[in-house]
Amino acid sequence: MTRSNISAPRTVIRAALLGSLLLAGLAATGCSPIVATRGNLTDPQLVAELQPGQSRRDDVAAVLGTPTSVGTFDPNVWYYIGQKTEKTAFFEPEVTERRVVVARFDDGGVLREIKTLDKSNGQDIDLVERTTPTAGREMGFLEQMMGNVGRFSAKDTKGKGPGS
């Protein structure tokens, strides 16, 4: 047997092994989750720096930043809302972390209460899939497209169009 005949199977095996490793690497990266952070996911250590009765509105803004939302009916309540989600391949995103920090101030701008809510405090809401029926009859696609054909005459539109 010649030397070239012996090295041919080794080359094929090496190429197949290299191709398999490359394919496995691509498959592994394709299944890694995509992590997305939305909102203001506050750091618990920063929240611990704020002291009710001592910290003021400016202090809270300096430490936590601009609030995500201010209370609709009470501007003395600030909300810092943030969440982290992971999405793998074609699956629905999963919320891995959710944090809501509620800061309440008195009328003088002094922090009175600060509390943190997490994913365990949330409630799932079942959405209603029904639609509200409308009065009248339902028209099909062709009725909608051809419904006005022949309803108008030239004399009805004379002098009312563009350029008249």
Protein backbone atom coordinates (compact mmCIF):
# COMPACT_ATOMS: atom_id res chain seq x y z
CA MET A 1 0.00 0.00 0.00
CA THR A 2 1.31 3.42 -0.81
CA ARG A 3 1.63 6.24 1.61
CA SER A 4 -1.03 8.39 -0.12
CA ASN A 5 -3.68 5.67 0.30
CA ILE A 6 -3.11 5.56 4.07
CA SER A 7 -3.31 9.33 4.56
CA ALA A 8 -6.55 9.69 2.58
CA PRO A 9 -8.78 8.12 5.28
CA ARG A 10 -7.05 10.22 7.96
CA THR A 11 -7.79 13.39 6.00
CA VAL A 12 -11.43 12.40 5.60
CA ILE A 13 -11.74 11.56 9.31
CA ARG A 14 -10.07 14.84 10.26
CA ALA A 15 -12.38 16.83 7.98
CA ALA A 16 -15.46 15.02 9.32
CA LEU A 17 -14.35 15.62 12.91
CA LEU A 18 -13.66 19.30 12.25
CA GLY A 19 -17.02 19.68 10.47
CA SER A 20 -18.82 17.98 13.37
CA LEU A 21 -17.18 20.28 15.90
CA LEU A 22 -18.06 23.33 13.83
CA LEU A 23 -21.68 22.18 13.46
CA ALA A 24 -21.95 21.45 17.20
CA GLY A 25 -20.57 24.90 17.99
CA LEU A 26 -23.09 26.58 15.70
CA ALA A 27 -25.94 24.54 17.16
CA ALA A 28 -24.92 25.45 20.71
CA THR A 29 -24.85 29.18 19.96
CA GLY A 30 -28.20 28.97 18.19
CA CYS A 31 -29.82 27.67 21.37
CA SER A 32 -28.31 30.19 23.76
CA PRO A 33 -30.95 32.51 25.20
CA ILE A 34 -31.28 36.15 24.21
CA VAL A 35 -31.42 38.22 27.41
CA ALA A 36 -33.28 41.55 27.28
CA THR A 37 -33.56 44.08 30.10
CA ARG A 38 -36.40 46.59 29.89
CA GLY A 39 -37.13 49.53 32.12
CA ASN A 40 -35.16 50.54 35.19
CA LEU A 41 -34.03 47.35 36.94
CA THR A 42 -32.79 48.98 40.15
CA ASP A 43 -29.89 47.64 42.16
CA PRO A 44 -31.05 46.49 45.65
CA GLN A 45 -27.85 47.92 47.21
CA LEU A 46 -28.69 51.36 45.83
CA VAL A 47 -32.23 51.12 47.20
CA ALA A 48 -30.78 50.22 50.63
CA GLU A 49 -28.84 53.53 50.63
CA LEU A 50 -32.11 55.51 50.76
CA GLN A 51 -33.45 56.14 54.26
CA PRO A 52 -37.12 57.00 54.89
CA GLY A 53 -37.41 60.21 56.89
CA GLN A 54 -33.93 61.38 55.82
CA SER A 55 -33.67 61.09 52.03
CA ARG A 56 -35.32 63.71 49.87
CA ARG A 57 -36.80 63.59 46.39
CA ASP A 58 -33.53 64.88 44.88
CA ASP A 59 -31.56 62.17 46.71
CA VAL A 60 -33.81 59.43 45.31
CA ALA A 61 -33.47 60.86 41.78
CA ALA A 62 -29.68 61.06 42.17
CA VAL A 63 -29.39 57.45 43.37
CA LEU A 64 -32.04 55.68 41.26
CA GLY A 65 -32.45 58.08 38.34
CA THR A 66 -35.63 59.37 36.77
CA PRO A 67 -38.66 57.28 37.78
CA THR A 68 -40.27 55.04 35.19
CA SER A 69 -43.66 56.41 36.19
CA VAL A 70 -45.16 58.92 38.60
CA GLY A 71 -48.48 58.19 40.31
CA THR A 72 -51.44 59.32 38.21
CA PHE A 73 -53.50 60.53 41.15
CA ASP A 74 -50.65 61.20 43.57
CA PRO A 75 -47.47 62.82 42.18
CA ASN A 76 -45.74 62.01 45.49
CA VAL A 77 -45.49 58.33 44.48
CA TRP A 78 -42.66 57.30 42.15
CA TYR A 79 -42.35 53.91 40.45
CA TYR A 80 -39.15 52.33 39.13
CA ILE A 81 -40.22 49.38 36.98
CA GLY A 82 -37.89 46.92 35.27
CA GLN A 83 -37.73 43.34 34.09
CA LYS A 84 -35.33 40.89 32.51
CA THR A 85 -36.51 38.32 29.96
CA GLU A 86 -34.84 35.38 28.25
CA LYS A 87 -35.91 34.07 24.86
CA THR A 88 -34.56 30.80 23.51
CA ALA A 89 -34.95 30.03 19.81
CA PHE A 90 -38.60 30.24 18.76
CA PHE A 91 -40.11 29.93 22.25
CA GLU A 92 -42.02 32.70 24.01
CA PRO A 93 -39.87 35.01 26.14
CA GLU A 94 -39.79 34.09 29.83
CA VAL A 95 -39.60 36.74 32.55
CA THR A 96 -36.65 35.77 34.73
CA GLU A 97 -36.56 38.84 36.96
CA ARG A 98 -39.03 41.64 37.65
CA ARG A 99 -38.61 44.44 40.16
CA VAL A 100 -40.83 47.41 41.02
CA VAL A 101 -39.56 49.96 43.54
CA VAL A 102 -42.26 52.21 45.00
CA ALA A 103 -41.08 55.44 46.64
CA ARG A 104 -43.61 57.57 48.57
CA PHE A 105 -42.88 61.15 49.56
CA ASP A 106 -44.68 63.59 51.83
CA ASP A 107 -45.76 67.03 50.61
CA GLY A 108 -42.37 68.44 51.66
CA GLY A 109 -40.50 66.01 49.37
CA VAL A 110 -39.13 63.80 52.17
CA LEU A 111 -39.08 60.04 51.50
CA ARG A 112 -41.65 58.38 53.79
CA GLU A 113 -41.68 54.80 52.45
CA ILE A 114 -39.73 52.76 49.95
CA LYS A 115 -40.59 49.16 49.13
CA THR A 116 -39.54 46.66 46.50
CA LEU A 117 -41.94 44.29 44.77
CA ASP A 118 -40.66 41.35 42.75
CA LYS A 119 -41.96 38.68 40.41
CA SER A 120 -43.64 36.80 43.28
CA ASN A 121 -45.88 39.82 44.02
CA GLY A 122 -47.27 39.85 40.47
CA GLN A 123 -50.51 38.27 39.32
CA ASP A 124 -51.20 36.64 35.98
CA ILE A 125 -54.14 38.13 34.14
CA ASP A 126 -56.16 35.99 31.75
CA LEU A 127 -57.00 37.99 28.66
CA VAL A 128 -60.47 37.64 27.17
CA GLU A 129 -60.38 36.43 23.56
CA ARG A 130 -64.00 37.31 22.76
CA THR A 131 -64.94 40.09 20.36
CA THR A 132 -67.88 42.43 20.75
CA PRO A 133 -70.50 41.86 18.03
CA THR A 134 -71.56 44.92 16.08
CA ALA A 135 -75.05 45.79 14.93
CA GLY A 136 -75.98 45.25 11.28
CA ARG A 137 -75.05 42.54 8.89
CA GLU A 138 -71.58 41.31 8.13
CA MET A 139 -70.31 42.00 4.65
CA GLY A 140 -68.02 39.65 2.80
CA PHE A 141 -64.79 40.68 1.11
CA LEU A 142 -66.31 41.14 -2.36
CA GLU A 143 -69.26 43.10 -0.95
CA GLN A 144 -66.87 45.48 0.73
CA MET A 145 -64.75 45.90 -2.39
CA MET A 146 -67.60 46.26 -4.88
CA GLY A 147 -70.25 47.82 -2.60
CA ASN A 148 -70.02 51.36 -4.00
CA VAL A 149 -69.81 50.45 -7.68
CA GLY A 150 -72.68 52.17 -9.48
CA ARG A 151 -73.88 54.19 -6.48
CA PHE A 152 -72.60 57.53 -7.70
CA SER A 153 -73.29 59.29 -10.98
CA ALA A 154 -71.11 61.83 -12.79
CA LYS A 155 -73.50 64.71 -12.06
CA ASP A 156 -73.32 64.01 -8.29
CA THR A 157 -69.57 64.56 -8.28
CA LYS A 158 -69.37 67.41 -10.81
CA GLY A 159 -67.37 70.32 -9.40
CA LYS A 160 -66.57 68.51 -6.13
CA GLY A 161 -63.35 66.72 -7.04
CA PRO A 162 -59.75 67.84 -7.07
CA GLY A 163 -58.91 70.44 -9.67
CA SER A 164 -62.47 71.71 -10.07
